[in-house]
Amino acid sequence: PTASWLLRFRHTLDCTTDGMYHEMLCNPSVVLLVASTSEAGYVNCLAELANVHHLPKPYHDGRYDPNGLRREFLLLHDVINGPKDFDETRALHQMRERFGF
């Protein structure tokens, strides 16, 4: 949607439905990072998604601490486009090594 009135409407709607800064309603309690096994480097995809620059604006202007944010990782196995020899134990081991959980 590129109509100027629609963009103004969406901006106004977003501003009016957001909570006040002190209410922390815009602060997610958890971030769910999801990748698919159809991606060649799914662990690297999860690492990229965990990067701070993907967080909402309040984390960049100092309102919220990005280090205090809980991140959960979810790997979906794509049985159609993913690897046929997918090893769950190996994938879990790689994720534990990379993210330390």
N, C-alpha and C. Protein backbone atom coordinates (compact mmCIF):
# COMPACT_ATOMS: atom_id res chain seq x y z
N PRO A 1 0.83 -1.20 0.00
CA PRO A 1 0.00 0.00 0.00
C PRO A 1 0.87 1.25 0.00
N THR A 2 0.79 2.01 -1.07
CA THR A 2 1.61 3.22 -1.16
C THR A 2 0.79 4.49 -1.20
N ALA A 3 -0.53 4.39 -1.09
CA ALA A 3 -1.36 5.60 -1.09
C ALA A 3 -1.00 6.42 0.14
N SER A 4 -0.80 7.73 -0.07
CA SER A 4 -0.34 8.58 1.03
C SER A 4 -1.34 8.63 2.18
N TRP A 5 -2.62 8.65 1.87
CA TRP A 5 -3.62 8.68 2.94
C TRP A 5 -3.57 7.39 3.76
N LEU A 6 -3.30 6.27 3.10
CA LEU A 6 -3.24 5.00 3.80
C LEU A 6 -2.01 4.95 4.72
N LEU A 7 -0.90 5.47 4.25
CA LEU A 7 0.31 5.51 5.08
C LEU A 7 0.09 6.40 6.30
N ARG A 8 -0.56 7.54 6.10
CA ARG A 8 -0.85 8.44 7.24
C ARG A 8 -1.81 7.75 8.22
N PHE A 9 -2.81 7.07 7.68
CA PHE A 9 -3.77 6.36 8.52
C PHE A 9 -3.06 5.28 9.34
N ARG A 10 -2.19 4.48 8.70
CA ARG A 10 -1.47 3.42 9.40
C ARG A 10 -0.58 4.00 10.49
N HIS A 11 0.10 5.10 10.18
CA HIS A 11 0.97 5.74 11.17
C HIS A 11 0.15 6.21 12.37
N THR A 12 -0.97 6.87 12.11
CA THR A 12 -1.82 7.35 13.19
C THR A 12 -2.38 6.19 14.00
N LEU A 13 -2.82 5.15 13.30
CA LEU A 13 -3.34 3.98 14.00
C LEU A 13 -2.27 3.34 14.88
N ASP A 14 -1.08 3.20 14.34
CA ASP A 14 0.01 2.61 15.13
C ASP A 14 0.34 3.46 16.35
N CYS A 15 0.35 4.77 16.17
CA CYS A 15 0.67 5.66 17.29
C CYS A 15 -0.40 5.62 18.37
N THR A 16 -1.67 5.54 17.98
CA THR A 16 -2.74 5.56 18.97
C THR A 16 -2.93 4.22 19.67
N THR A 17 -2.50 3.14 19.04
CA THR A 17 -2.67 1.83 19.68
C THR A 17 -1.45 1.40 20.46
N ASP A 18 -0.34 2.11 20.31
CA ASP A 18 0.84 1.81 21.12
C ASP A 18 0.60 2.26 22.56
N GLY A 19 1.23 1.55 23.48
CA GLY A 19 1.13 1.96 24.87
C GLY A 19 2.03 3.15 25.14
N MET A 20 1.86 3.73 26.30
CA MET A 20 2.73 4.83 26.70
C MET A 20 4.11 4.25 27.00
N TYR A 21 5.14 5.08 26.87
CA TYR A 21 6.50 4.58 27.04
C TYR A 21 6.72 3.96 28.42
N HIS A 22 6.11 4.53 29.44
CA HIS A 22 6.33 4.03 30.79
C HIS A 22 5.55 2.73 31.06
N GLU A 23 4.60 2.37 30.19
CA GLU A 23 3.81 1.17 30.41
C GLU A 23 4.52 -0.10 29.94
N MET A 24 5.50 0.05 29.09
CA MET A 24 6.27 -1.06 28.54
C MET A 24 5.40 -2.05 27.77
N LEU A 25 4.27 -1.59 27.21
CA LEU A 25 3.44 -2.47 26.40
C LEU A 25 4.09 -2.76 25.06
N CYS A 26 4.98 -1.88 24.62
CA CYS A 26 5.67 -2.10 23.35
C CYS A 26 6.88 -3.01 23.53
N ASN A 27 7.20 -3.31 24.77
CA ASN A 27 8.36 -4.13 25.08
C ASN A 27 7.96 -5.60 25.02
N PRO A 28 8.49 -6.35 24.06
CA PRO A 28 8.12 -7.77 24.01
C PRO A 28 8.70 -8.52 25.20
N SER A 29 7.92 -9.44 25.74
CA SER A 29 8.41 -10.21 26.89
C SER A 29 9.37 -11.30 26.44
N VAL A 30 9.24 -11.72 25.18
CA VAL A 30 10.12 -12.73 24.62
C VAL A 30 10.16 -12.53 23.11
N VAL A 31 11.29 -12.85 22.52
CA VAL A 31 11.41 -12.79 21.07
C VAL A 31 11.60 -14.21 20.58
N LEU A 32 10.76 -14.61 19.65
CA LEU A 32 10.84 -15.94 19.07
C LEU A 32 11.55 -15.85 17.74
N LEU A 33 12.70 -16.50 17.66
CA LEU A 33 13.51 -16.50 16.44
C LEU A 33 13.33 -17.84 15.74
N VAL A 34 12.85 -17.79 14.50
CA VAL A 34 12.47 -19.00 13.79
C VAL A 34 13.25 -19.12 12.50
N ALA A 35 13.77 -20.31 12.25
CA ALA A 35 14.44 -20.61 10.98
C ALA A 35 13.97 -21.98 10.50
N SER A 36 14.16 -22.22 9.23
CA SER A 36 13.75 -23.48 8.62
C SER A 36 14.98 -24.25 8.18
N THR A 37 14.87 -25.57 8.20
CA THR A 37 15.99 -26.40 7.75
C THR A 37 16.19 -26.31 6.24
N SER A 38 15.26 -25.70 5.53
CA SER A 38 15.44 -25.53 4.09
C SER A 38 16.51 -24.47 3.79
N GLU A 39 16.83 -23.63 4.78
CA GLU A 39 17.94 -22.68 4.65
C GLU A 39 19.24 -23.45 4.83
N ALA A 40 20.20 -23.18 3.97
CA ALA A 40 21.47 -23.92 4.01
C ALA A 40 22.18 -23.76 5.36
N GLY A 41 22.26 -22.55 5.86
CA GLY A 41 22.92 -22.30 7.14
C GLY A 41 21.92 -21.83 8.17
N TYR A 42 21.06 -22.71 8.62
CA TYR A 42 19.97 -22.29 9.52
C TYR A 42 20.49 -21.77 10.85
N VAL A 43 21.61 -22.26 11.34
CA VAL A 43 22.16 -21.73 12.59
C VAL A 43 22.65 -20.30 12.38
N ASN A 44 23.25 -20.03 11.23
CA ASN A 44 23.67 -18.66 10.92
C ASN A 44 22.47 -17.74 10.73
N CYS A 45 21.38 -18.27 10.17
CA CYS A 45 20.15 -17.47 10.04
C CYS A 45 19.62 -17.08 11.42
N LEU A 46 19.62 -18.02 12.35
CA LEU A 46 19.17 -17.72 13.71
C LEU A 46 20.09 -16.69 14.37
N ALA A 47 21.39 -16.82 14.12
CA ALA A 47 22.34 -15.86 14.70
C ALA A 47 22.09 -14.46 14.15
N GLU A 48 21.81 -14.37 12.86
CA GLU A 48 21.51 -13.07 12.26
C GLU A 48 20.23 -12.48 12.83
N LEU A 49 19.22 -13.31 13.00
CA LEU A 49 17.96 -12.83 13.57
C LEU A 49 18.13 -12.38 15.02
N ALA A 50 19.07 -12.98 15.72
CA ALA A 50 19.31 -12.61 17.12
C ALA A 50 20.08 -11.30 17.26
N ASN A 51 20.56 -10.77 16.15
CA ASN A 51 21.31 -9.52 16.16
C ASN A 51 20.46 -8.37 16.67
N VAL A 52 21.06 -7.47 17.41
CA VAL A 52 20.34 -6.36 18.05
C VAL A 52 19.70 -5.43 17.03
N HIS A 53 20.28 -5.29 15.86
CA HIS A 53 19.73 -4.32 14.89
C HIS A 53 18.38 -4.74 14.33
N HIS A 54 17.91 -5.96 14.62
CA HIS A 54 16.58 -6.40 14.20
C HIS A 54 15.51 -6.08 15.24
N LEU A 55 15.91 -5.57 16.38
CA LEU A 55 14.95 -5.25 17.44
C LEU A 55 14.21 -3.96 17.13
N PRO A 56 13.04 -3.76 17.75
CA PRO A 56 12.28 -2.53 17.54
C PRO A 56 13.04 -1.28 17.99
N LYS A 57 12.59 -0.14 17.52
CA LYS A 57 13.24 1.15 17.76
C LYS A 57 13.51 1.46 19.23
N PRO A 58 12.60 1.17 20.16
CA PRO A 58 12.88 1.50 21.57
C PRO A 58 14.16 0.85 22.12
N TYR A 59 14.61 -0.23 21.52
CA TYR A 59 15.85 -0.86 21.96
C TYR A 59 17.08 -0.11 21.45
N HIS A 60 16.90 0.69 20.42
CA HIS A 60 18.02 1.43 19.85
C HIS A 60 18.17 2.81 20.47
N ASP A 61 17.10 3.38 21.00
CA ASP A 61 17.20 4.72 21.57
C ASP A 61 17.36 4.72 23.08
N GLY A 62 17.58 3.53 23.66
CA GLY A 62 17.91 3.45 25.08
C GLY A 62 16.73 3.26 26.02
N ARG A 63 15.51 3.15 25.51
CA ARG A 63 14.37 2.97 26.41
C ARG A 63 14.37 1.58 27.05
N TYR A 64 14.81 0.58 26.30
CA TYR A 64 14.83 -0.79 26.80
C TYR A 64 16.23 -1.36 26.62
N ASP A 65 16.56 -2.30 27.47
CA ASP A 65 17.87 -2.94 27.43
C ASP A 65 17.80 -4.19 26.55
N PRO A 66 18.49 -4.20 25.41
CA PRO A 66 18.44 -5.38 24.54
C PRO A 66 19.09 -6.61 25.16
N ASN A 67 19.95 -6.42 26.15
CA ASN A 67 20.61 -7.57 26.79
C ASN A 67 19.69 -8.28 27.77
N GLY A 68 18.64 -7.62 28.21
CA GLY A 68 17.71 -8.22 29.14
C GLY A 68 16.56 -8.94 28.47
N LEU A 69 16.58 -8.98 27.16
CA LEU A 69 15.50 -9.58 26.40
C LEU A 69 15.66 -11.09 26.29
N ARG A 70 14.59 -11.80 26.58
CA ARG A 70 14.62 -13.26 26.48
C ARG A 70 14.42 -13.66 25.02
N ARG A 71 15.29 -14.51 24.52
CA ARG A 71 15.19 -14.99 23.14
C ARG A 71 14.99 -16.50 23.15
N GLU A 72 14.03 -16.95 22.37
CA GLU A 72 13.78 -18.38 22.20
C GLU A 72 14.03 -18.72 20.75
N PHE A 73 14.68 -19.84 20.51
CA PHE A 73 15.04 -20.27 19.16
C PHE A 73 14.17 -21.45 18.77
N LEU A 74 13.64 -21.39 17.54
CA LEU A 74 12.79 -22.45 17.03
C LEU A 74 13.29 -22.83 15.64
N LEU A 75 13.58 -24.10 15.46
CA LEU A 75 14.03 -24.60 14.17
C LEU A 75 12.95 -25.53 13.63
N LEU A 76 12.41 -25.17 12.48
CA LEU A 76 11.36 -25.98 11.85
C LEU A 76 11.99 -26.84 10.76
N HIS A 77 11.71 -28.13 10.83
CA HIS A 77 12.24 -29.01 9.79
C HIS A 77 11.27 -29.03 8.61
N ASP A 78 11.77 -28.64 7.46
CA ASP A 78 11.00 -28.63 6.22
C ASP A 78 11.17 -29.99 5.55
N VAL A 79 10.14 -30.83 5.63
CA VAL A 79 10.26 -32.19 5.11
C VAL A 79 10.21 -32.24 3.59
N ILE A 80 9.78 -31.15 2.95
CA ILE A 80 9.71 -31.13 1.49
C ILE A 80 10.98 -30.55 0.89
N ASN A 81 11.37 -29.35 1.33
CA ASN A 81 12.53 -28.66 0.76
C ASN A 81 13.78 -28.77 1.62
N GLY A 82 13.65 -29.31 2.82
CA GLY A 82 14.80 -29.43 3.71
C GLY A 82 15.65 -30.64 3.38
N PRO A 83 16.74 -30.80 4.09
CA PRO A 83 17.62 -31.95 3.84
C PRO A 83 16.93 -33.27 4.21
N LYS A 84 17.13 -34.25 3.37
CA LYS A 84 16.49 -35.56 3.60
C LYS A 84 17.16 -36.30 4.75
N ASP A 85 18.43 -36.01 5.00
CA ASP A 85 19.17 -36.69 6.06
C ASP A 85 19.32 -35.81 7.30
N PHE A 86 18.29 -35.03 7.63
CA PHE A 86 18.35 -34.10 8.76
C PHE A 86 18.52 -34.86 10.07
N ASP A 87 19.48 -34.43 10.86
CA ASP A 87 19.78 -35.06 12.14
C ASP A 87 19.43 -34.07 13.25
N GLU A 88 18.37 -34.35 13.98
CA GLU A 88 17.90 -33.45 15.04
C GLU A 88 18.94 -33.27 16.13
N THR A 89 19.60 -34.36 16.51
CA THR A 89 20.58 -34.31 17.59
C THR A 89 21.75 -33.42 17.19
N ARG A 90 22.21 -33.54 15.96
CA ARG A 90 23.32 -32.71 15.48
C ARG A 90 22.91 -31.23 15.42
N ALA A 91 21.70 -30.98 14.95
CA ALA A 91 21.21 -29.60 14.87
C ALA A 91 21.10 -28.98 16.27
N LEU A 92 20.58 -29.73 17.22
CA LEU A 92 20.47 -29.24 18.59
C LEU A 92 21.85 -28.98 19.18
N HIS A 93 22.79 -29.85 18.90
CA HIS A 93 24.17 -29.68 19.38
C HIS A 93 24.78 -28.40 18.80
N GLN A 94 24.58 -28.16 17.49
CA GLN A 94 25.10 -26.94 16.86
C GLN A 94 24.48 -25.69 17.48
N MET A 95 23.18 -25.74 17.74
CA MET A 95 22.50 -24.58 18.32
C MET A 95 22.98 -24.34 19.75
N ARG A 96 23.18 -25.41 20.51
CA ARG A 96 23.68 -25.25 21.89
C ARG A 96 25.09 -24.67 21.90
N GLU A 97 25.93 -25.12 20.97
CA GLU A 97 27.28 -24.56 20.88
C GLU A 97 27.26 -23.08 20.53
N ARG A 98 26.40 -22.71 19.60
CA ARG A 98 26.38 -21.33 19.12
C ARG A 98 25.72 -20.37 20.09
N PHE A 99 24.60 -20.80 20.70
CA PHE A 99 23.81 -19.88 21.52
C PHE A 99 23.90 -20.15 23.01
N GLY A 100 24.52 -21.24 23.38
CA GLY A 100 24.80 -21.51 24.79
C GLY A 100 23.59 -21.78 25.66
N PHE A 101 22.65 -22.53 25.17
CA PHE A 101 21.51 -22.88 26.03
C PHE A 101 21.44 -24.36 26.24
